[in-house]
Structures are given as C-alpha cells and as structure tokens.
Amino acid sequence: MKYIIPQDKIDKIVFRYLDLNLKGLEKRKARYHNGIVFTVPDEEFGILGYDNGDTLHIYYELINEISDTFGLKETDSKSVIGRWVSDRLQLDVNNDNLKSAGLYGVLTYQ
C-alpha cells in the first residue's frame, strides 16, 4: 500500500535526520573552483560544494543514503537536501542546479 506524504512532512523528517548526521559541518574554500565546500570534521573531502551563487554539489553517497533511508527517488533526495542547505546554511540554491559529486573533484578543499 502506498501513502502520499506531503512535502512539508518529508522535509521535517529529512531535515531532522540531516541536522543530526551533518552536525558540525565546517566551511572551507574549494580547491578547484571559486566556491565553498562543507566538510565533516576530520574528513579529507567535503560532502557539499557550493559555487556560482546557486549551484550545489552533493556527495553521491549522501544522496544514496537519503534515498535508501526514506524511500525517495534520487531527484527527490537531491531536492530535499537542496532545501535543507537553503534553510540551514542560508545559501541560495537553485533546484535546477543540483549536481551529484564523486569522492574527488569539487569536494576537495584547501
């Protein structure tokens, strides 16, 4: 049986999950682009990257974790992470500019 859950309820649940799991993100200068990277303390690579004033790069394992935990499609997971970043990190994120990112590249920092 499928249930329809309103977006605000999904946001509330996923935001709480991200608040707990991404607590203490550190803001760093990106190495390969003019942007910023958010890292988990004591990690070599970042989990979120932000550049061009609205483009959000999300580490693919975070997208998969949200998709698997909450049964969301990848696009829905990226959208809810984008809304969380807008709300919690006070960044202007354009839902058309949500990108999956691998372990290296935009997520490295100086």
PDB file of N, CA and C in Angstrom:
ATOM      1  N   MET A   1       0.840  -1.164   0.000  1.00  0.00           N
ATOM      2  CA  MET A   1       0.000   0.000   0.000  1.00  0.00           C
ATOM      3  C   MET A   1       0.893   1.238   0.000  1.00  0.00           C
ATOM      4  N   LYS A   2       0.571   2.198  -0.834  1.00  0.00           N
ATOM      5  CA  LYS A   2       1.336   3.445  -0.903  1.00  0.00           C
ATOM      6  C   LYS A   2       0.597   4.535  -0.153  1.00  0.00           C
ATOM      7  N   TYR A   3       1.391   5.367   0.494  1.00  0.00           N
ATOM      8  CA  TYR A   3       0.854   6.530   1.192  1.00  0.00           C
ATOM      9  C   TYR A   3       1.433   7.782   0.555  1.00  0.00           C
ATOM     10  N   ILE A   4       0.640   8.795   0.451  1.00  0.00           N
ATOM     11  CA  ILE A   4       1.112  10.078  -0.056  1.00  0.00           C
ATOM     12  C   ILE A   4       1.450  10.936   1.149  1.00  0.00           C
ATOM     13  N   ILE A   5       2.725  11.315   1.207  1.00  0.00           N
ATOM     14  CA  ILE A   5       3.192  12.138   2.319  1.00  0.00           C
ATOM     15  C   ILE A   5       3.488  13.520   1.762  1.00  0.00           C
ATOM     16  N   PRO A   6       2.894  14.563   2.352  1.00  0.00           N
ATOM     17  CA  PRO A   6       3.137  15.929   1.857  1.00  0.00           C
ATOM     18  C   PRO A   6       4.613  16.327   1.989  1.00  0.00           C
ATOM     19  N   GLN A   7       5.044  17.208   1.077  1.00  0.00           N
ATOM     20  CA  GLN A   7       6.437  17.650   1.055  1.00  0.00           C
ATOM     21  C   GLN A   7       6.877  18.230   2.386  1.00  0.00           C
ATOM     22  N   ASP A   8       6.023  18.993   3.059  1.00  0.00           N
ATOM     23  CA  ASP A   8       6.438  19.605   4.325  1.00  0.00           C
ATOM     24  C   ASP A   8       6.722  18.551   5.393  1.00  0.00           C
ATOM     25  N   LYS A   9       6.019  17.427   5.356  1.00  0.00           N
ATOM     26  CA  LYS A   9       6.274  16.341   6.313  1.00  0.00           C
ATOM     27  C   LYS A   9       7.588  15.635   5.991  1.00  0.00           C
ATOM     28  N   ILE A  10       7.823  15.399   4.693  1.00  0.00           N
ATOM     29  CA  ILE A  10       9.093  14.791   4.280  1.00  0.00           C
ATOM     30  C   ILE A  10      10.252  15.695   4.674  1.00  0.00           C
ATOM     31  N   ASP A  11      10.107  17.003   4.396  1.00  0.00           N
ATOM     32  CA  ASP A  11      11.152  17.956   4.762  1.00  0.00           C
ATOM     33  C   ASP A  11      11.433  17.900   6.259  1.00  0.00           C
ATOM     34  N   LYS A  12      10.395  17.882   7.063  1.00  0.00           N
ATOM     35  CA  LYS A  12      10.574  17.877   8.513  1.00  0.00           C
ATOM     36  C   LYS A  12      11.372  16.651   8.969  1.00  0.00           C
ATOM     37  N   ILE A  13      11.033  15.495   8.436  1.00  0.00           N
ATOM     38  CA  ILE A  13      11.716  14.257   8.827  1.00  0.00           C
ATOM     39  C   ILE A  13      13.158  14.239   8.322  1.00  0.00           C
ATOM     40  N   VAL A  14      13.342  14.549   7.042  1.00  0.00           N
ATOM     41  CA  VAL A  14      14.684  14.509   6.456  1.00  0.00           C
ATOM     42  C   VAL A  14      15.559  15.616   7.046  1.00  0.00           C
ATOM     43  N   PHE A  15      15.003  16.802   7.272  1.00  0.00           N
ATOM     44  CA  PHE A  15      15.773  17.881   7.889  1.00  0.00           C
ATOM     45  C   PHE A  15      16.288  17.455   9.257  1.00  0.00           C
ATOM     46  N   ARG A  16      15.449  16.809  10.035  1.00  0.00           N
ATOM     47  CA  ARG A  16      15.868  16.342  11.355  1.00  0.00           C
ATOM     48  C   ARG A  16      17.009  15.325  11.229  1.00  0.00           C
ATOM     49  N   TYR A  17      16.873  14.423  10.274  1.00  0.00           N
ATOM     50  CA  TYR A  17      17.915  13.419  10.018  1.00  0.00           C
ATOM     51  C   TYR A  17      19.228  14.099   9.622  1.00  0.00           C
ATOM     52  N   LEU A  18      19.158  15.054   8.688  1.00  0.00           N
ATOM     53  CA  LEU A  18      20.368  15.763   8.256  1.00  0.00           C
ATOM     54  C   LEU A  18      20.950  16.611   9.379  1.00  0.00           C
ATOM     55  N   ASP A  19      20.098  17.233  10.191  1.00  0.00           N
ATOM     56  CA  ASP A  19      20.585  18.011  11.334  1.00  0.00           C
ATOM     57  C   ASP A  19      21.441  17.148  12.254  1.00  0.00           C
ATOM     58  N   LEU A  20      20.983  15.936  12.495  1.00  0.00           N
ATOM     59  CA  LEU A  20      21.712  15.031  13.386  1.00  0.00           C
ATOM     60  C   LEU A  20      22.985  14.484  12.740  1.00  0.00           C
ATOM     61  N   ASN A  21      22.907  14.143  11.465  1.00  0.00           N
ATOM     62  CA  ASN A  21      24.031  13.489  10.798  1.00  0.00           C
ATOM     63  C   ASN A  21      25.059  14.441  10.201  1.00  0.00           C
ATOM     64  N   LEU A  22      24.682  15.681   9.974  1.00  0.00           N
ATOM     65  CA  LEU A  22      25.625  16.658   9.413  1.00  0.00           C
ATOM     66  C   LEU A  22      25.936  17.764  10.413  1.00  0.00           C
ATOM     67  N   LYS A  23      25.764  17.457  11.674  1.00  0.00           N
ATOM     68  CA  LYS A  23      26.056  18.433  12.728  1.00  0.00           C
ATOM     69  C   LYS A  23      27.543  18.789  12.696  1.00  0.00           C
ATOM     70  N   GLY A  24      27.835  20.047  12.795  1.00  0.00           N
ATOM     71  CA  GLY A  24      29.231  20.483  12.875  1.00  0.00           C
ATOM     72  C   GLY A  24      29.941  20.597  11.540  1.00  0.00           C
ATOM     73  N   LEU A  25      29.203  20.741  10.439  1.00  0.00           N
ATOM     74  CA  LEU A  25      29.864  20.922   9.149  1.00  0.00           C
ATOM     75  C   LEU A  25      30.795  22.125   9.207  1.00  0.00           C
ATOM     76  N   GLU A  26      31.957  21.980   8.594  1.00  0.00           N
ATOM     77  CA  GLU A  26      32.929  23.071   8.544  1.00  0.00           C
ATOM     78  C   GLU A  26      32.959  23.649   7.131  1.00  0.00           C
ATOM     79  N   LYS A  27      32.974  24.957   7.046  1.00  0.00           N
ATOM     80  CA  LYS A  27      33.001  25.667   5.762  1.00  0.00           C
ATOM     81  C   LYS A  27      34.462  25.884   5.357  1.00  0.00           C
ATOM     82  N   ARG A  28      34.807  25.469   4.130  1.00  0.00           N
ATOM     83  CA  ARG A  28      36.174  25.590   3.631  1.00  0.00           C
ATOM     84  C   ARG A  28      36.179  26.202   2.234  1.00  0.00           C
ATOM     85  N   LYS A  29      37.331  26.717   1.816  1.00  0.00           N
ATOM     86  CA  LYS A  29      37.494  27.232   0.455  1.00  0.00           C
ATOM     87  C   LYS A  29      37.769  26.048  -0.468  1.00  0.00           C
ATOM     88  N   ALA A  30      37.069  26.010  -1.595  1.00  0.00           N
ATOM     89  CA  ALA A  30      37.240  24.927  -2.563  1.00  0.00           C
ATOM     90  C   ALA A  30      38.594  25.023  -3.250  1.00  0.00           C
ATOM     91  N   ARG A  31      39.156  23.896  -3.593  1.00  0.00           N
ATOM     92  CA  ARG A  31      40.460  23.849  -4.241  1.00  0.00           C
ATOM     93  C   ARG A  31      40.365  24.075  -5.751  1.00  0.00           C
ATOM     94  N   TYR A  32      39.360  23.534  -6.411  1.00  0.00           N
ATOM     95  CA  TYR A  32      39.322  23.540  -7.870  1.00  0.00           C
ATOM     96  C   TYR A  32      38.280  24.456  -8.490  1.00  0.00           C
ATOM     97  N   HIS A  33      37.599  25.228  -7.700  1.00  0.00           N
ATOM     98  CA  HIS A  33      36.627  26.171  -8.251  1.00  0.00           C
ATOM     99  C   HIS A  33      36.442  27.319  -7.262  1.00  0.00           C
ATOM    100  N   ASN A  34      35.813  28.386  -7.725  1.00  0.00           N
ATOM    101  CA  ASN A  34      35.566  29.531  -6.856  1.00  0.00           C
ATOM    102  C   ASN A  34      34.286  29.292  -6.072  1.00  0.00           C
ATOM    103  N   GLY A  35      34.393  28.543  -5.055  1.00  0.00           N
ATOM    104  CA  GLY A  35      33.227  28.227  -4.259  1.00  0.00           C
ATOM    105  C   GLY A  35      33.639  27.814  -2.859  1.00  0.00           C
ATOM    106  N   ILE A  36      32.698  27.195  -2.180  1.00  0.00           N
ATOM    107  CA  ILE A  36      32.959  26.724  -0.830  1.00  0.00           C
ATOM    108  C   ILE A  36      32.594  25.246  -0.728  1.00  0.00           C
ATOM    109  N   VAL A  37      33.209  24.599   0.221  1.00  0.00           N
ATOM    110  CA  VAL A  37      32.971  23.190   0.472  1.00  0.00           C
ATOM    111  C   VAL A  37      32.618  23.038   1.942  1.00  0.00           C
ATOM    112  N   PHE A  38      31.637  22.197   2.227  1.00  0.00           N
ATOM    113  CA  PHE A  38      31.275  21.896   3.607  1.00  0.00           C
ATOM    114  C   PHE A  38      31.759  20.495   3.922  1.00  0.00           C
ATOM    115  N   THR A  39      32.562  20.381   4.972  1.00  0.00           N
ATOM    116  CA  THR A  39      33.165  19.102   5.335  1.00  0.00           C
ATOM    117  C   THR A  39      32.705  18.652   6.710  1.00  0.00           C
ATOM    118  N   VAL A  40      32.713  17.353   6.872  1.00  0.00           N
ATOM    119  CA  VAL A  40      32.511  16.773   8.195  1.00  0.00           C
ATOM    120  C   VAL A  40      33.861  16.892   8.895  1.00  0.00           C
ATOM    121  N   PRO A  41      33.898  17.281  10.180  1.00  0.00           N
ATOM    122  CA  PRO A  41      35.177  17.427  10.872  1.00  0.00           C
ATOM    123  C   PRO A  41      36.054  16.177  10.745  1.00  0.00           C
ATOM    124  N   ASP A  42      37.341  16.396  10.548  1.00  0.00           N
ATOM    125  CA  ASP A  42      38.360  15.345  10.446  1.00  0.00           C
ATOM    126  C   ASP A  42      38.239  14.487   9.188  1.00  0.00           C
ATOM    127  N   GLU A  43      37.511  14.950   8.185  1.00  0.00           N
ATOM    128  CA  GLU A  43      37.424  14.237   6.909  1.00  0.00           C
ATOM    129  C   GLU A  43      38.263  14.982   5.880  1.00  0.00           C
ATOM    130  N   GLU A  44      38.873  14.238   4.972  1.00  0.00           N
ATOM    131  CA  GLU A  44      39.728  14.838   3.957  1.00  0.00           C
ATOM    132  C   GLU A  44      38.931  15.517   2.847  1.00  0.00           C
ATOM    133  N   PHE A  45      37.722  15.016   2.573  1.00  0.00           N
ATOM    134  CA  PHE A  45      36.912  15.545   1.481  1.00  0.00           C
ATOM    135  C   PHE A  45      35.591  16.069   2.005  1.00  0.00           C
ATOM    136  N   GLY A  46      35.028  17.010   1.261  1.00  0.00           N
ATOM    137  CA  GLY A  46      33.759  17.596   1.656  1.00  0.00           C
ATOM    138  C   GLY A  46      32.569  16.767   1.218  1.00  0.00           C
ATOM    139  N   ILE A  47      31.429  17.078   1.805  1.00  0.00           N
ATOM    140  CA  ILE A  47      30.193  16.368   1.485  1.00  0.00           C
ATOM    141  C   ILE A  47      29.248  17.233   0.641  1.00  0.00           C
ATOM    142  N   LEU A  48      29.429  18.555   0.717  1.00  0.00           N
ATOM    143  CA  LEU A  48      28.642  19.500  -0.068  1.00  0.00           C
ATOM    144  C   LEU A  48      29.574  20.556  -0.656  1.00  0.00           C
ATOM    145  N   GLY A  49      29.330  20.942  -1.888  1.00  0.00           N
ATOM    146  CA  GLY A  49      30.074  22.028  -2.512  1.00  0.00           C
ATOM    147  C   GLY A  49      29.091  23.044  -3.062  1.00  0.00           C
ATOM    148  N   TYR A  50      29.463  24.314  -3.041  1.00  0.00           N
ATOM    149  CA  TYR A  50      28.556  25.371  -3.497  1.00  0.00           C
ATOM    150  C   TYR A  50      29.352  26.382  -4.305  1.00  0.00           C
ATOM    151  N   ASP A  51      28.842  26.704  -5.521  1.00  0.00           N
ATOM    152  CA  ASP A  51      29.522  27.719  -6.325  1.00  0.00           C
ATOM    153  C   ASP A  51      28.543  28.407  -7.265  1.00  0.00           C
ATOM    154  N   ASN A  52      29.036  29.429  -7.923  1.00  0.00           N
ATOM    155  CA  ASN A  52      28.265  30.226  -8.895  1.00  0.00           C
ATOM    156  C   ASN A  52      27.018  30.852  -8.296  1.00  0.00           C
ATOM    157  N   GLY A  53      26.969  30.996  -7.015  1.00  0.00           N
ATOM    158  CA  GLY A  53      25.844  31.663  -6.384  1.00  0.00           C
ATOM    159  C   GLY A  53      24.564  30.863  -6.304  1.00  0.00           C
ATOM    160  N   ASP A  54      24.543  29.645  -6.887  1.00  0.00           N
ATOM    161  CA  ASP A  54      23.317  28.854  -6.773  1.00  0.00           C
ATOM    162  C   ASP A  54      23.488  27.363  -7.072  1.00  0.00           C
ATOM    163  N   THR A  55      24.674  26.921  -7.435  1.00  0.00           N
ATOM    164  CA  THR A  55      24.891  25.514  -7.779  1.00  0.00           C
ATOM    165  C   THR A  55      25.374  24.741  -6.558  1.00  0.00           C
ATOM    166  N   LEU A  56      24.664  23.667  -6.253  1.00  0.00           N
ATOM    167  CA  LEU A  56      25.007  22.820  -5.115  1.00  0.00           C
ATOM    168  C   LEU A  56      25.480  21.466  -5.619  1.00  0.00           C
ATOM    169  N   HIS A  57      26.677  21.060  -5.180  1.00  0.00           N
ATOM    170  CA  HIS A  57      27.240  19.751  -5.485  1.00  0.00           C
ATOM    171  C   HIS A  57      27.067  18.896  -4.237  1.00  0.00           C
ATOM    172  N   ILE A  58      26.424  17.748  -4.395  1.00  0.00           N
ATOM    173  CA  ILE A  58      26.110  16.881  -3.260  1.00  0.00           C
ATOM    174  C   ILE A  58      26.840  15.556  -3.447  1.00  0.00           C
ATOM    175  N   TYR A  59      27.567  15.148  -2.444  1.00  0.00           N
ATOM    176  CA  TYR A  59      28.279  13.870  -2.491  1.00  0.00           C
ATOM    177  C   TYR A  59      27.279  12.748  -2.733  1.00  0.00           C
ATOM    178  N   TYR A  60      27.558  11.917  -3.737  1.00  0.00           N
ATOM    179  CA  TYR A  60      26.591  10.901  -4.172  1.00  0.00           C
ATOM    180  C   TYR A  60      26.193   9.934  -3.056  1.00  0.00           C
ATOM    181  N   GLU A  61      27.085   9.650  -2.112  1.00  0.00           N
ATOM    182  CA  GLU A  61      26.725   8.733  -1.025  1.00  0.00           C
ATOM    183  C   GLU A  61      25.671   9.349  -0.096  1.00  0.00           C
ATOM    184  N   LEU A  62      25.683  10.663   0.053  1.00  0.00           N
ATOM    185  CA  LEU A  62      24.641  11.325   0.841  1.00  0.00           C
ATOM    186  C   LEU A  62      23.295  11.206   0.137  1.00  0.00           C
ATOM    187  N   ILE A  63      23.296  11.397  -1.175  1.00  0.00           N
ATOM    188  CA  ILE A  63      22.055  11.248  -1.953  1.00  0.00           C
ATOM    189  C   ILE A  63      21.518   9.826  -1.806  1.00  0.00           C
ATOM    190  N   ASN A  64      22.415   8.839  -1.959  1.00  0.00           N
ATOM    191  CA  ASN A  64      22.002   7.440  -1.837  1.00  0.00           C
ATOM    192  C   ASN A  64      21.497   7.119  -0.433  1.00  0.00           C
ATOM    193  N   GLU A  65      22.145   7.674   0.573  1.00  0.00           N
ATOM    194  CA  GLU A  65      21.733   7.441   1.960  1.00  0.00           C
ATOM    195  C   GLU A  65      20.310   7.958   2.198  1.00  0.00           C
ATOM    196  N   ILE A  66      20.022   9.156   1.720  1.00  0.00           N
ATOM    197  CA  ILE A  66      18.681   9.726   1.884  1.00  0.00           C
ATOM    198  C   ILE A  66      17.665   8.915   1.079  1.00  0.00           C
ATOM    199  N   SER A  67      18.026   8.543  -0.147  1.00  0.00           N
ATOM    200  CA  SER A  67      17.124   7.744  -0.985  1.00  0.00           C
ATOM    201  C   SER A  67      16.801   6.405  -0.320  1.00  0.00           C
ATOM    202  N   ASP A  68      17.827   5.719   0.161  1.00  0.00           N
ATOM    203  CA  ASP A  68      17.629   4.402   0.769  1.00  0.00           C
ATOM    204  C   ASP A  68      16.889   4.478   2.099  1.00  0.00           C
ATOM    205  N   THR A  69      17.230   5.459   2.921  1.00  0.00           N
ATOM    206  CA  THR A  69      16.626   5.575   4.242  1.00  0.00           C
ATOM    207  C   THR A  69      15.153   5.952   4.169  1.00  0.00           C
ATOM    208  N   PHE A  70      14.812   6.855   3.255  1.00  0.00           N
ATOM    209  CA  PHE A  70      13.453   7.380   3.209  1.00  0.00           C
ATOM    210  C   PHE A  70      12.641   6.914   2.002  1.00  0.00           C
ATOM    211  N   GLY A  71      13.224   6.057   1.171  1.00  0.00           N
ATOM    212  CA  GLY A  71      12.498   5.533   0.021  1.00  0.00           C
ATOM    213  C   GLY A  71      12.180   6.584  -1.025  1.00  0.00           C
ATOM    214  N   LEU A  72      13.086   7.548  -1.190  1.00  0.00           N
ATOM    215  CA  LEU A  72      12.872   8.630  -2.153  1.00  0.00           C
ATOM    216  C   LEU A  72      13.645   8.357  -3.441  1.00  0.00           C
ATOM    217  N   LYS A  73      13.175   8.913  -4.543  1.00  0.00           N
ATOM    218  CA  LYS A  73      13.931   8.877  -5.787  1.00  0.00           C
ATOM    219  C   LYS A  73      15.155   9.771  -5.628  1.00  0.00           C
ATOM    220  N   GLU A  74      16.162   9.528  -6.465  1.00  0.00           N
ATOM    221  CA  GLU A  74      17.385  10.332  -6.396  1.00  0.00           C
ATOM    222  C   GLU A  74      17.089  11.816  -6.576  1.00  0.00           C
ATOM    223  N   THR A  75      16.234  12.161  -7.525  1.00  0.00           N
ATOM    224  CA  THR A  75      15.914  13.575  -7.767  1.00  0.00           C
ATOM    225  C   THR A  75      15.218  14.199  -6.554  1.00  0.00           C
ATOM    226  N   ASP A  76      14.350  13.432  -5.901  1.00  0.00           N
ATOM    227  CA  ASP A  76      13.665  13.939  -4.707  1.00  0.00           C
ATOM    228  C   ASP A  76      14.646  14.109  -3.553  1.00  0.00           C
ATOM    229  N   SER A  77      15.600  13.190  -3.446  1.00  0.00           N
ATOM    230  CA  SER A  77      16.611  13.299  -2.395  1.00  0.00           C
ATOM    231  C   SER A  77      17.471  14.544  -2.594  1.00  0.00           C
ATOM    232  N   LYS A  78      17.892  14.785  -3.851  1.00  0.00           N
ATOM    233  CA  LYS A  78      18.678  15.985  -4.132  1.00  0.00           C
ATOM    234  C   LYS A  78      17.877  17.241  -3.816  1.00  0.00           C
ATOM    235  N   SER A  79      16.603  17.249  -4.144  1.00  0.00           N
ATOM    236  CA  SER A  79      15.767  18.429  -3.884  1.00  0.00           C
ATOM    237  C   SER A  79      15.624  18.712  -2.393  1.00  0.00           C
ATOM    238  N   VAL A  80      15.382  17.672  -1.604  1.00  0.00           N
ATOM    239  CA  VAL A  80      15.216  17.900  -0.163  1.00  0.00           C
ATOM    240  C   VAL A  80      16.541  18.309   0.477  1.00  0.00           C
ATOM    241  N   ILE A  81      17.664  17.771   0.005  1.00  0.00           N
ATOM    242  CA  ILE A  81      18.969  18.214   0.508  1.00  0.00           C
ATOM    243  C   ILE A  81      19.185  19.676   0.128  1.00  0.00           C
ATOM    244  N   GLY A  82      18.806  20.053  -1.090  1.00  0.00           N
ATOM    245  CA  GLY A  82      18.909  21.449  -1.517  1.00  0.00           C
ATOM    246  C   GLY A  82      18.082  22.376  -0.640  1.00  0.00           C
ATOM    247  N   ARG A  83      16.874  21.951  -0.292  1.00  0.00           N
ATOM    248  CA  ARG A  83      16.031  22.772   0.596  1.00  0.00           C
ATOM    249  C   ARG A  83      16.645  22.871   1.990  1.00  0.00           C
ATOM    250  N   TRP A  84      17.256  21.781   2.463  1.00  0.00           N
ATOM    251  CA  TRP A  84      17.917  21.793   3.778  1.00  0.00           C
ATOM    252  C   TRP A  84      19.087  22.780   3.764  1.00  0.00           C
ATOM    253  N   VAL A  85      19.890  22.748   2.700  1.00  0.00           N
ATOM    254  CA  VAL A  85      21.034  23.666   2.582  1.00  0.00           C
ATOM    255  C   VAL A  85      20.531  25.109   2.556  1.00  0.00           C
ATOM    256  N   SER A  86      19.477  25.373   1.800  1.00  0.00           N
ATOM    257  CA  SER A  86      18.910  26.732   1.754  1.00  0.00           C
ATOM    258  C   SER A  86      18.465  27.186   3.133  1.00  0.00           C
ATOM    259  N   ASP A  87      17.794  26.300   3.839  1.00  0.00           N
ATOM    260  CA  ASP A  87      17.243  26.642   5.147  1.00  0.00           C
ATOM    261  C   ASP A  87      18.305  26.718   6.234  1.00  0.00           C
ATOM    262  N   ARG A  88      19.128  25.706   6.341  1.00  0.00           N
ATOM    263  CA  ARG A  88      20.067  25.614   7.457  1.00  0.00           C
ATOM    264  C   ARG A  88      21.365  26.388   7.235  1.00  0.00           C
ATOM    265  N   LEU A  89      21.858  26.406   5.996  1.00  0.00           N
ATOM    266  CA  LEU A  89      23.129  27.076   5.714  1.00  0.00           C
ATOM    267  C   LEU A  89      22.928  28.454   5.092  1.00  0.00           C
ATOM    268  N   GLN A  90      21.661  28.817   4.899  1.00  0.00           N
ATOM    269  CA  GLN A  90      21.295  30.136   4.379  1.00  0.00           C
ATOM    270  C   GLN A  90      21.979  30.453   3.051  1.00  0.00           C
ATOM    271  N   LEU A  91      21.945  29.484   2.122  1.00  0.00           N
ATOM    272  CA  LEU A  91      22.501  29.673   0.789  1.00  0.00           C
ATOM    273  C   LEU A  91      21.376  29.624  -0.237  1.00  0.00           C
ATOM    274  N   ASP A  92      21.521  30.397  -1.293  1.00  0.00           N
ATOM    275  CA  ASP A  92      20.526  30.438  -2.357  1.00  0.00           C
ATOM    276  C   ASP A  92      20.788  29.280  -3.309  1.00  0.00           C
ATOM    277  N   VAL A  93      19.996  28.223  -3.195  1.00  0.00           N
ATOM    278  CA  VAL A  93      20.178  27.025  -4.017  1.00  0.00           C
ATOM    279  C   VAL A  93      19.059  26.958  -5.045  1.00  0.00           C
ATOM    280  N   ASN A  94      19.448  26.813  -6.296  1.00  0.00           N
ATOM    281  CA  ASN A  94      18.507  26.672  -7.400  1.00  0.00           C
ATOM    282  C   ASN A  94      18.304  25.181  -7.652  1.00  0.00           C
ATOM    283  N   ASN A  95      17.075  24.694  -7.562  1.00  0.00           N
ATOM    284  CA  ASN A  95      16.805  23.267  -7.753  1.00  0.00           C
ATOM    285  C   ASN A  95      17.206  22.764  -9.129  1.00  0.00           C
ATOM    286  N   ASP A  96      17.362  23.652 -10.103  1.00  0.00           N
ATOM    287  CA  ASP A  96      17.824  23.239 -11.426  1.00  0.00           C
ATOM    288  C   ASP A  96      19.329  23.018 -11.449  1.00  0.00           C
ATOM    289  N   ASN A  97      20.020  23.437 -10.385  1.00  0.00           N
ATOM    290  CA  ASN A  97      21.481  23.339 -10.328  1.00  0.00           C
ATOM    291  C   ASN A  97      21.953  22.451  -9.181  1.00  0.00           C
ATOM    292  N   LEU A  98      21.286  21.321  -9.010  1.00  0.00           N
ATOM    293  CA  LEU A  98      21.699  20.331  -8.018  1.00  0.00           C
ATOM    294  C   LEU A  98      22.491  19.257  -8.748  1.00  0.00           C
ATOM    295  N   LYS A  99      23.731  19.034  -8.346  1.00  0.00           N
ATOM    296  CA  LYS A  99      24.616  18.104  -9.048  1.00  0.00           C
ATOM    297  C   LYS A  99      25.104  17.014  -8.091  1.00  0.00           C
ATOM    298  N   SER A 100      25.199  15.801  -8.608  1.00  0.00           N
ATOM    299  CA  SER A 100      25.831  14.719  -7.855  1.00  0.00           C
ATOM    300  C   SER A 100      27.335  14.876  -8.004  1.00  0.00           C
ATOM    301  N   ALA A 101      28.064  14.588  -6.947  1.00  0.00           N
ATOM    302  CA  ALA A 101      29.516  14.710  -6.994  1.00  0.00           C
ATOM    303  C   ALA A 101      30.155  13.439  -6.468  1.00  0.00           C
ATOM    304  N   GLY A 102      31.277  13.079  -7.069  1.00  0.00           N
ATOM    305  CA  GLY A 102      32.027  11.906  -6.633  1.00  0.00           C
ATOM    306  C   GLY A 102      32.940  12.242  -5.470  1.00  0.00           C
ATOM    307  N   LEU A 103      33.768  11.292  -5.136  1.00  0.00           N
ATOM    308  CA  LEU A 103      34.651  11.433  -3.986  1.00  0.00           C
ATOM    309  C   LEU A 103      35.672  12.553  -4.175  1.00  0.00           C
ATOM    310  N   TYR A 104      36.149  12.739  -5.404  1.00  0.00           N
ATOM    311  CA  TYR A 104      37.171  13.754  -5.652  1.00  0.00           C
ATOM    312  C   TYR A 104      36.595  14.902  -6.462  1.00  0.00           C
ATOM    313  N   GLY A 105      37.420  15.856  -6.832  1.00  0.00           N
ATOM    314  CA  GLY A 105      36.950  16.960  -7.673  1.00  0.00           C
ATOM    315  C   GLY A 105      36.450  18.124  -6.870  1.00  0.00           C
ATOM    316  N   VAL A 106      35.217  18.539  -7.101  1.00  0.00           N
ATOM    317  CA  VAL A 106      34.701  19.764  -6.494  1.00  0.00           C
ATOM    318  C   VAL A 106      34.623  19.673  -4.986  1.00  0.00           C
ATOM    319  N   LEU A 107      34.709  18.492  -4.436  1.00  0.00           N
ATOM    320  CA  LEU A 107      34.538  18.367  -2.995  1.00  0.00           C
ATOM    321  C   LEU A 107      35.837  18.435  -2.220  1.00  0.00           C
ATOM    322  N   THR A 108      36.958  18.666  -2.922  1.00  0.00           N
ATOM    323  CA  THR A 108      38.214  18.833  -2.206  1.00  0.00           C
ATOM    324  C   THR A 108      38.388  20.296  -1.826  1.00  0.00           C
ATOM    325  N   TYR A 109      39.151  20.518  -0.800  1.00  0.00           N
ATOM    326  CA  TYR A 109      39.328  21.890  -0.316  1.00  0.00           C
ATOM    327  C   TYR A 109      40.785  22.141   0.007  1.00  0.00           C
ATOM    328  N   GLN A 110      41.071  23.424   0.208  1.00  0.00           N
ATOM    329  CA  GLN A 110      42.448  23.825   0.540  1.00  0.00           C
ATOM    330  C   GLN A 110      42.649  23.804   2.035  1.00  0.00           C
TER     331      GLN A 110
END
